[in-house]
């Protein structure tokens, strides 16, 4: 129970885990983009599509 008196180790552990998680997500995103290339350009919306309100 003495470890509950000092929150610093817990804060350091959580901060390290968050940093590692962020780094992994960024690394995986960069790998996926290099593997699949940039997103294809989508055609621009016409004035009819924007003004129509998108009926479904």
Protein backbone atom coordinates (compact mmCIF):
# COMPACT_ATOMS: atom_id res chain seq x y z
CA UNK A 1 0.00 0.00 0.00
CA UNK A 2 2.94 2.33 0.31
CA UNK A 3 3.03 2.77 -3.48
CA UNK A 4 -0.36 4.51 -3.35
CA UNK A 5 1.20 7.37 -1.40
CA UNK A 6 3.32 8.44 -4.37
CA UNK A 7 1.42 8.89 -7.68
CA UNK A 8 4.54 9.83 -9.66
CA UNK A 9 5.42 6.28 -10.84
CA UNK A 10 1.84 5.80 -12.03
CA UNK A 11 1.88 9.11 -13.90
CA UNK A 12 5.19 8.24 -15.53
CA UNK A 13 3.89 4.82 -16.59
CA UNK A 14 0.72 6.26 -18.11
CA UNK A 15 2.66 9.01 -19.89
CA UNK A 16 5.10 6.48 -21.33
CA UNK A 17 2.26 4.23 -22.52
CA UNK A 18 0.49 7.16 -24.18
CA UNK A 19 3.70 8.23 -25.92
CA UNK A 20 4.34 4.70 -27.18
CA UNK A 21 0.75 4.35 -28.37
CA UNK A 22 0.91 7.66 -30.25
CA UNK A 23 4.22 6.70 -31.83
CA UNK A 24 2.88 3.32 -32.95
CA UNK A 25 -0.26 4.85 -34.46
CA UNK A 26 1.81 7.40 -36.37
CA UNK A 27 4.25 4.75 -37.57
CA UNK A 28 1.43 2.48 -38.73
CA UNK A 29 -0.33 5.34 -40.52
CA UNK A 30 2.86 6.25 -42.38
CA UNK A 31 3.48 2.61 -43.31
CA UNK A 32 -0.08 2.19 -44.61
CA UNK A 33 0.13 5.37 -46.67
CA UNK A 34 3.44 4.33 -48.22
CA UNK A 35 2.03 0.87 -48.93
CA UNK A 36 -1.23 2.04 -50.51
CA UNK A 37 -0.24 5.44 -51.83
CA UNK A 38 -2.14 8.69 -51.40
CA UNK A 39 -5.92 8.76 -51.52
CA UNK A 40 -7.50 9.06 -54.94
CA UNK A 41 -8.90 12.49 -55.72
CA UNK A 42 -12.67 12.57 -55.58
CA UNK A 43 -14.64 14.54 -58.16
CA UNK A 44 -15.81 17.89 -56.92
CA UNK A 45 -19.44 18.43 -56.04
CA UNK A 46 -21.55 20.17 -58.63
CA UNK A 47 -23.82 23.07 -57.72
CA UNK A 48 -26.86 20.76 -58.12
CA UNK A 49 -25.54 18.30 -55.54
CA UNK A 50 -24.79 21.04 -53.03
CA UNK A 51 -28.10 22.90 -53.49
CA UNK A 52 -30.23 19.74 -53.67
CA UNK A 53 -29.76 18.84 -50.03
CA UNK A 54 -28.97 15.19 -50.77
CA UNK A 55 -32.26 13.33 -51.08
CA UNK A 56 -31.95 9.66 -50.23
